[in-house]
Amino acid sequence: MSITFGDNVRILSSPETDDKGLTGKLGQVYGETTPSVTAVEVIGEVRNDYAINVAIEGIGSELWFAPELLELVDHAEGTEIVIGSYRAVRKADGTWDESGTNTSKEWWQFWK
């Protein structure tokens, strides 16, 4: 199964991850990119012009990795995203339970 947005991952051992002290650390996937377009610095060999952004616990920053250096831990069941009236909650199988949020405010009461 491929690693996607919201998944929890473990950093695998490689010369680069070992040197940076990242091997074995856990993190959550925040995004993906095409390095040739975005010019991000990627840890590992860039193949297929693809990299995955991971927020690593205890480091306080996000890093870009070659997918081969990441191991899926789980799909972060219970992760919740709310944007406006849209709400999505991650299920154990990696799918999202999507719905509109229930709001009793008038549109002009956005500050309440």
Protein backbone atom coordinates (compact mmCIF):
# COMPACT_ATOMS: atom_id res chain seq x y z
CA MET A 1 0.00 0.00 0.00
CA SER A 2 1.31 3.45 -0.85
CA ILE A 3 1.95 6.18 1.69
CA THR A 4 -0.46 9.12 1.46
CA PHE A 5 -1.42 12.35 3.23
CA GLY A 6 -2.08 11.87 6.93
CA ASP A 7 -0.32 8.51 7.29
CA ASN A 8 2.05 7.85 10.18
CA VAL A 9 5.46 6.70 8.97
CA ARG A 10 8.83 5.54 10.32
CA ILE A 11 12.11 6.77 8.82
CA LEU A 12 14.20 3.86 7.49
CA SER A 13 17.96 3.49 7.76
CA SER A 14 20.19 4.90 5.03
CA PRO A 15 23.53 6.72 5.08
CA GLU A 16 21.71 10.09 4.97
CA THR A 17 19.08 9.31 7.62
CA ASP A 18 21.74 7.77 9.88
CA ASP A 19 23.99 10.85 9.54
CA LYS A 20 21.09 13.19 10.36
CA GLY A 21 19.95 11.08 13.32
CA LEU A 22 16.55 10.44 11.74
CA THR A 23 16.58 6.65 11.46
CA GLY A 24 13.68 5.09 13.38
CA LYS A 25 11.92 8.39 14.11
CA LEU A 26 8.16 8.62 13.63
CA GLY A 27 6.27 11.30 11.76
CA GLN A 28 3.10 12.16 9.88
CA VAL A 29 2.82 12.78 6.14
CA TYR A 30 1.85 16.39 5.40
CA GLY A 31 2.18 16.38 1.62
CA GLU A 32 3.95 15.40 -1.57
CA THR A 33 5.71 17.28 -4.34
CA THR A 34 7.59 17.18 -7.61
CA PRO A 35 11.12 18.26 -6.59
CA SER A 36 12.11 19.41 -10.10
CA VAL A 37 9.33 22.01 -9.93
CA THR A 38 9.49 23.06 -6.27
CA ALA A 39 13.28 22.76 -5.77
CA VAL A 40 12.90 21.31 -2.26
CA GLU A 41 15.85 19.57 -0.60
CA VAL A 42 15.11 15.84 -0.49
CA ILE A 43 16.69 13.28 1.82
CA GLY A 44 17.48 10.19 -0.26
CA GLU A 45 17.72 9.57 -3.98
CA VAL A 46 14.98 11.29 -5.98
CA ARG A 47 13.44 8.74 -8.34
CA ASN A 48 10.42 9.44 -10.51
CA ASP A 49 10.63 13.13 -9.49
CA TYR A 50 8.55 12.53 -6.35
CA ALA A 51 9.10 13.33 -2.65
CA ILE A 52 7.01 13.07 0.53
CA ASN A 53 6.84 15.74 3.26
CA VAL A 54 6.97 14.39 6.83
CA ALA A 55 6.52 16.27 10.12
CA ILE A 56 8.76 14.38 12.54
CA GLU A 57 7.90 14.10 16.22
CA GLY A 58 10.31 15.97 18.48
CA ILE A 59 12.07 17.88 15.71
CA GLY A 60 9.60 20.70 15.14
CA SER A 61 10.11 20.90 11.40
CA GLU A 62 9.09 19.15 8.24
CA LEU A 63 11.50 17.35 5.92
CA TRP A 64 11.20 15.94 2.40
CA PHE A 65 12.05 12.28 1.83
CA ALA A 66 12.39 9.86 -1.04
CA PRO A 67 9.47 7.39 -0.62
CA GLU A 68 11.89 4.46 -0.31
CA LEU A 69 13.09 5.83 3.05
CA LEU A 70 9.63 5.71 4.65
CA GLU A 71 7.75 2.79 6.18
CA LEU A 72 3.99 2.92 6.73
CA VAL A 73 3.12 2.58 10.43
CA ASP A 74 -0.64 3.21 10.22
CA HIS A 75 -3.23 5.50 8.64
CA ALA A 76 -3.55 7.75 11.72
CA GLU A 77 -7.11 6.75 12.52
CA GLY A 78 -9.05 9.63 14.07
CA THR A 79 -7.08 12.41 12.37
CA GLU A 80 -9.59 15.20 11.77
CA ILE A 81 -9.56 17.98 9.19
CA VAL A 82 -12.07 20.85 9.24
CA ILE A 83 -12.12 23.49 6.51
CA GLY A 84 -15.10 25.81 6.60
CA SER A 85 -18.16 23.57 6.78
CA TYR A 86 -16.26 20.53 5.48
CA ARG A 87 -15.12 17.87 7.96
CA ALA A 88 -13.16 14.68 7.31
CA VAL A 89 -12.09 12.02 9.83
CA ARG A 90 -9.53 9.35 8.94
CA LYS A 91 -10.57 5.71 9.24
CA ALA A 92 -8.26 2.80 10.14
CA ASP A 93 -8.23 1.61 6.51
CA GLY A 94 -6.93 4.97 5.26
CA THR A 95 -10.18 6.27 3.80
CA TRP A 96 -11.87 9.44 5.02
CA ASP A 97 -15.35 9.81 6.51
CA GLU A 98 -16.47 13.11 4.98
CA SER A 99 -19.37 15.32 6.02
CA GLY A 100 -20.51 18.90 6.37
CA THR A 101 -20.19 20.44 9.81
CA ASN A 102 -23.29 21.35 11.75
CA THR A 103 -23.34 25.04 12.53
CA SER A 104 -26.11 27.05 14.13
CA LYS A 105 -24.47 30.45 13.52
CA GLU A 106 -25.52 32.89 10.85
CA TRP A 107 -22.85 33.48 8.20
CA TRP A 108 -22.14 36.96 9.53
CA GLN A 109 -21.39 35.61 13.04
CA PHE A 110 -18.08 34.09 11.98
CA TRP A 111 -16.27 35.60 14.99
CA LYS A 112 -18.41 33.77 17.58
